[in-house]
N, C-alpha and C. Protein backbone atom coordinates (compact mmCIF):
# COMPACT_ATOMS: atom_id res chain seq x y z
N MET A 1 19.98 -43.67 8.48
CA MET A 1 20.71 -43.76 8.89
C MET A 1 20.91 -41.99 9.56
N THR A 2 21.78 -41.94 10.45
CA THR A 2 21.86 -41.00 11.60
C THR A 2 23.60 -40.47 11.05
N LEU A 3 23.74 -39.75 11.34
CA LEU A 3 25.19 -38.99 11.24
C LEU A 3 26.47 -40.43 11.79
N ASP A 4 25.96 -40.20 13.32
CA ASP A 4 26.76 -40.50 14.15
C ASP A 4 26.72 -42.18 13.76
N ALA A 5 25.72 -42.99 14.00
CA ALA A 5 25.82 -44.53 12.85
C ALA A 5 26.64 -44.34 11.55
N LEU A 6 26.93 -43.34 10.39
CA LEU A 6 27.86 -43.44 9.83
C LEU A 6 29.50 -43.51 10.37
N VAL A 7 29.30 -41.91 11.52
CA VAL A 7 31.31 -41.95 11.57
C VAL A 7 31.09 -43.59 12.20
N MET A 8 30.22 -44.53 13.12
CA MET A 8 30.30 -45.43 13.58
C MET A 8 30.86 -46.73 12.28
N LEU A 9 30.27 -47.10 11.75
CA LEU A 9 30.50 -47.55 10.64
C LEU A 9 31.96 -47.51 9.21
N SER A 10 32.55 -46.70 9.80
CA SER A 10 33.23 -45.62 8.95
C SER A 10 34.46 -46.19 9.60
N GLY A 11 34.22 -46.35 11.02
CA GLY A 11 35.50 -46.54 11.81
C GLY A 11 35.55 -48.41 11.80
N ALA A 12 34.35 -48.64 11.89
CA ALA A 12 34.09 -50.17 11.44
C ALA A 12 35.28 -50.88 10.54
N LEU A 13 34.92 -49.81 9.31
CA LEU A 13 35.18 -50.44 8.07
C LEU A 13 36.96 -50.40 8.07
N VAL A 14 36.90 -48.95 8.73
CA VAL A 14 38.58 -48.75 8.88
C VAL A 14 39.53 -50.10 9.34
N ALA A 15 38.42 -50.41 10.71
CA ALA A 15 39.36 -51.08 11.32
C ALA A 15 38.79 -53.04 10.64
N PHE A 16 37.79 -53.12 10.21
CA PHE A 16 38.12 -54.42 9.33
C PHE A 16 38.66 -54.36 8.00
N LEU A 17 39.40 -53.72 7.76
CA LEU A 17 40.64 -53.38 5.98
C LEU A 17 41.81 -53.50 6.68
N SER A 18 42.13 -52.76 8.17
CA SER A 18 43.72 -53.38 8.57
C SER A 18 43.81 -54.44 8.90
N VAL A 19 42.35 -55.27 9.31
CA VAL A 19 43.39 -56.23 9.55
C VAL A 19 42.75 -57.51 8.13
N ALA A 20 42.53 -57.24 7.25
CA ALA A 20 41.52 -58.37 6.42
C ALA A 20 42.79 -59.00 6.15
N GLY A 21 43.83 -58.00 4.60
CA GLY A 21 44.56 -58.48 4.74
C GLY A 21 45.09 -58.75 3.35
N PHE A 22 44.54 -57.21 2.73
CA PHE A 22 44.55 -56.61 1.38
C PHE A 22 45.95 -56.53 1.66
N PRO A 23 46.25 -56.52 0.20
CA PRO A 23 47.29 -55.51 0.13
C PRO A 23 47.58 -53.94 0.14
N PRO A 24 48.90 -53.30 0.44
CA PRO A 24 48.40 -51.90 0.40
C PRO A 24 48.11 -51.33 -0.85
N SER A 25 47.99 -51.63 -1.75
CA SER A 25 47.37 -50.95 -3.17
C SER A 25 46.02 -50.65 -3.21
N ILE A 26 45.31 -51.85 -2.45
CA ILE A 26 43.51 -51.42 -2.24
C ILE A 26 43.15 -50.48 -1.05
N TYR A 27 43.93 -51.28 0.57
CA TYR A 27 43.32 -50.55 1.41
C TYR A 27 44.08 -49.42 1.28
N LYS A 28 45.01 -48.64 1.08
CA LYS A 28 45.58 -47.09 1.10
C LYS A 28 44.69 -46.51 0.72
N PRO A 29 44.50 -46.52 -0.94
CA PRO A 29 43.03 -45.75 -1.35
C PRO A 29 41.49 -45.64 -0.65
N LEU A 30 41.34 -46.86 0.25
CA LEU A 30 39.79 -46.19 0.51
C LEU A 30 40.35 -46.51 1.85
N PHE A 31 41.34 -46.32 2.40
CA PHE A 31 41.54 -46.31 3.87
C PHE A 31 41.48 -44.02 3.34
N PHE A 32 42.41 -43.36 1.99
CA PHE A 32 41.89 -42.02 2.09
C PHE A 32 40.50 -41.21 1.96
N ILE A 33 39.68 -42.56 1.11
CA ILE A 33 38.03 -42.14 0.48
C ILE A 33 37.60 -41.82 1.97
N ILE A 34 37.68 -43.39 2.92
CA ILE A 34 36.80 -43.30 4.47
C ILE A 34 37.66 -41.63 4.49
N GLY A 35 39.24 -41.67 5.05
CA GLY A 35 38.94 -40.37 5.53
C GLY A 35 38.43 -39.27 5.08
N VAL A 36 38.42 -38.70 3.65
CA VAL A 36 37.43 -38.08 3.17
C VAL A 36 36.00 -37.56 3.57
N PHE A 37 35.25 -39.23 3.48
CA PHE A 37 33.83 -39.54 4.21
C PHE A 37 33.60 -38.99 5.68
N VAL A 38 34.41 -39.21 6.01
CA VAL A 38 34.93 -38.87 7.27
C VAL A 38 34.27 -37.37 8.04
N ILE A 39 35.64 -36.94 7.62
CA ILE A 39 35.65 -35.02 7.40
C ILE A 39 34.54 -34.47 6.30
N ALA A 40 33.85 -35.31 5.39
CA ALA A 40 32.05 -34.61 5.36
C ALA A 40 31.89 -34.41 5.41
N LEU A 41 31.11 -35.60 6.66
CA LEU A 41 30.18 -36.14 7.81
C LEU A 41 30.70 -34.89 8.86
N GLY A 42 32.28 -34.45 9.29
CA GLY A 42 31.79 -33.46 10.34
C GLY A 42 31.63 -32.03 10.07
N ILE A 43 32.00 -31.71 8.56
CA ILE A 43 31.71 -30.63 8.13
C ILE A 43 29.84 -30.67 8.30
N VAL A 44 29.65 -31.65 8.20
CA VAL A 44 27.73 -31.61 7.73
C VAL A 44 27.28 -31.80 9.63
N VAL A 45 28.10 -32.06 10.66
CA VAL A 45 27.32 -31.72 11.47
C VAL A 45 28.04 -30.47 12.03
N ARG A 46 28.79 -30.09 11.80
CA ARG A 46 28.95 -28.41 12.12
C ARG A 46 28.01 -27.50 11.53
N ARG A 47 27.51 -28.02 10.55
CA ARG A 47 27.04 -26.81 9.57
C ARG A 47 25.44 -27.05 10.38
N ARG A 48 25.19 -28.22 10.56
CA ARG A 48 23.72 -28.37 11.81
C ARG A 48 23.73 -28.02 12.69
N ARG A 49 25.01 -28.55 13.03
CA ARG A 49 24.74 -27.76 14.96
C ARG A 49 24.34 -26.19 15.10
N GLY A 50 25.39 -25.62 13.48
CA GLY A 50 25.32 -23.89 13.76
C GLY A 50 23.37 -23.82 13.21
N GLU A 51 23.11 -24.33 12.33
CA GLU A 51 21.90 -23.79 12.20
C GLU A 51 21.24 -24.00 13.24
N TRP A 52 21.30 -25.46 13.17
CA TRP A 52 20.44 -25.98 15.28
C TRP A 52 20.84 -24.59 15.94
N GLU A 53 21.91 -23.40 16.44
CA GLU A 53 21.49 -22.91 18.02
C GLU A 53 20.95 -21.82 16.71
N THR A 54 21.06 -21.42 15.66
CA THR A 54 20.82 -20.19 15.27
C THR A 54 19.22 -20.44 14.97
N ALA A 55 18.29 -21.65 14.88
CA ALA A 55 17.03 -22.32 15.03
C ALA A 55 16.21 -21.58 16.79
N GLN A 56 17.29 -22.18 17.47
CA GLN A 56 17.31 -21.61 19.06
C GLN A 56 17.06 -20.17 19.66
N ARG A 57 18.21 -19.50 18.97
CA ARG A 57 17.90 -18.41 20.23
C ARG A 57 17.18 -17.60 18.88
N ARG A 58 16.61 -18.16 17.55
CA ARG A 58 15.36 -16.94 17.29
C ARG A 58 14.34 -17.86 17.87
N LEU A 59 14.12 -18.65 18.30
CA LEU A 59 12.88 -18.66 19.13
C LEU A 59 12.71 -18.78 20.45
N GLU A 60 14.10 -18.25 20.88
CA GLU A 60 13.73 -17.80 22.34
C GLU A 60 14.08 -16.30 22.35
N ALA A 61 14.32 -15.97 21.01
CA ALA A 61 13.84 -14.41 21.24
C ALA A 61 11.98 -14.07 20.60
N LEU A 62 12.09 -14.80 20.24
CA LEU A 62 9.71 -14.95 19.62
C LEU A 62 9.39 -15.46 20.90
N THR A 63 9.39 -16.25 22.08
CA THR A 63 9.38 -17.17 23.21
C THR A 63 9.29 -16.12 24.19
N PRO A 64 8.00 -15.29 24.46
CA PRO A 64 7.94 -14.42 26.01
C PRO A 64 8.16 -15.28 26.65
N SER A 65 8.95 -14.83 27.44
CA SER A 65 10.14 -15.22 28.69
C SER A 65 9.05 -15.08 30.08
N ASP A 66 9.12 -16.61 31.20
CA ASP A 66 7.92 -16.49 32.47
C ASP A 66 7.68 -15.61 32.83
N ALA A 67 8.90 -14.24 33.36
CA ALA A 67 8.05 -13.26 34.46
C ALA A 67 7.78 -12.15 33.66
N SER A 68 8.09 -11.65 32.45
CA SER A 68 7.67 -10.69 31.34
C SER A 68 6.11 -11.17 30.78
N ALA A 69 5.62 -12.62 30.74
CA ALA A 69 4.21 -12.95 30.55
C ALA A 69 3.31 -12.92 31.51
N GLY A 70 4.08 -13.38 32.56
CA GLY A 70 3.36 -13.64 34.14
C GLY A 70 2.54 -15.03 34.06
N HIS A 71 2.79 -15.78 33.17
CA HIS A 71 2.78 -17.51 33.67
C HIS A 71 3.50 -18.22 33.31
N SER A 72 3.57 -19.36 32.92
CA SER A 72 4.93 -20.34 32.10
C SER A 72 3.86 -20.98 31.24
N MET A 73 4.14 -21.14 30.33
CA MET A 73 4.24 -21.95 28.80
C MET A 73 3.49 -23.62 29.22
N PRO A 74 2.20 -23.60 28.95
CA PRO A 74 1.85 -25.88 29.12
C PRO A 74 3.23 -25.98 28.47
N SER A 75 3.39 -27.58 29.30
CA SER A 75 4.17 -28.39 28.00
C SER A 75 3.98 -29.42 26.66
N HIS A 76 2.77 -28.82 27.02
CA HIS A 76 2.09 -29.74 25.24
C HIS A 76 2.57 -28.46 24.23
N GLU A 77 3.31 -26.79 24.53
CA GLU A 77 2.94 -25.87 23.92
C GLU A 77 4.43 -25.98 23.75
N SER A 78 5.50 -26.55 24.77
CA SER A 78 6.74 -26.13 24.10
C SER A 78 7.12 -26.86 22.60
N HIS A 79 8.09 -25.92 22.27
CA HIS A 79 8.62 -25.39 21.03
C HIS A 79 9.84 -26.48 21.08
N GLU A 80 10.28 -28.24 20.45
CA GLU A 80 11.48 -28.97 20.90
C GLU A 80 12.01 -28.42 19.11
N ALA A 81 13.06 -28.41 19.02
CA ALA A 81 14.06 -28.07 17.91
C ALA A 81 14.62 -29.65 17.16
N PRO A 82 14.81 -29.10 15.63
CA PRO A 82 14.92 -30.79 15.11
C PRO A 82 16.19 -31.36 16.35
N ASP A 83 16.18 -32.57 15.75
CA ASP A 83 17.42 -33.39 15.82
C ASP A 83 18.87 -33.25 15.08
N PRO A 84 19.68 -32.44 15.55
CA PRO A 84 21.20 -31.82 14.28
C PRO A 84 21.88 -32.92 13.79
N HIS A 85 21.03 -34.70 14.52
CA HIS A 85 22.53 -35.24 14.29
C HIS A 85 21.23 -36.76 13.16
N LYS A 86 20.42 -36.55 13.03
CA LYS A 86 19.74 -37.11 11.95
C LYS A 86 19.95 -36.73 10.53
N VAL A 87 19.86 -37.69 10.08
CA VAL A 87 20.75 -37.48 8.34
C VAL A 87 19.06 -37.41 7.77
N VAL A 88 19.59 -36.30 7.36
CA VAL A 88 18.02 -36.17 6.09
C VAL A 88 17.12 -37.24 5.22
């Protein structure tokens, strides 16, 4: 499951709990737990984005530019960075 799907699932759970009719003693702790979970997902996304940007900079430093190499890189040899939103 991807990180964006987990965030949407958390939002759906919050929406469900707010109208489900549970007493406050049940849904208030669940809101807190879901909030901590969403914060943790945000931290994971920021760390992965930072790792992805660092990998992109390293790749750009290692890949010769078209002007200095004298030719362009064929499309089948292009390097694609991993998706930073994919849950491992």
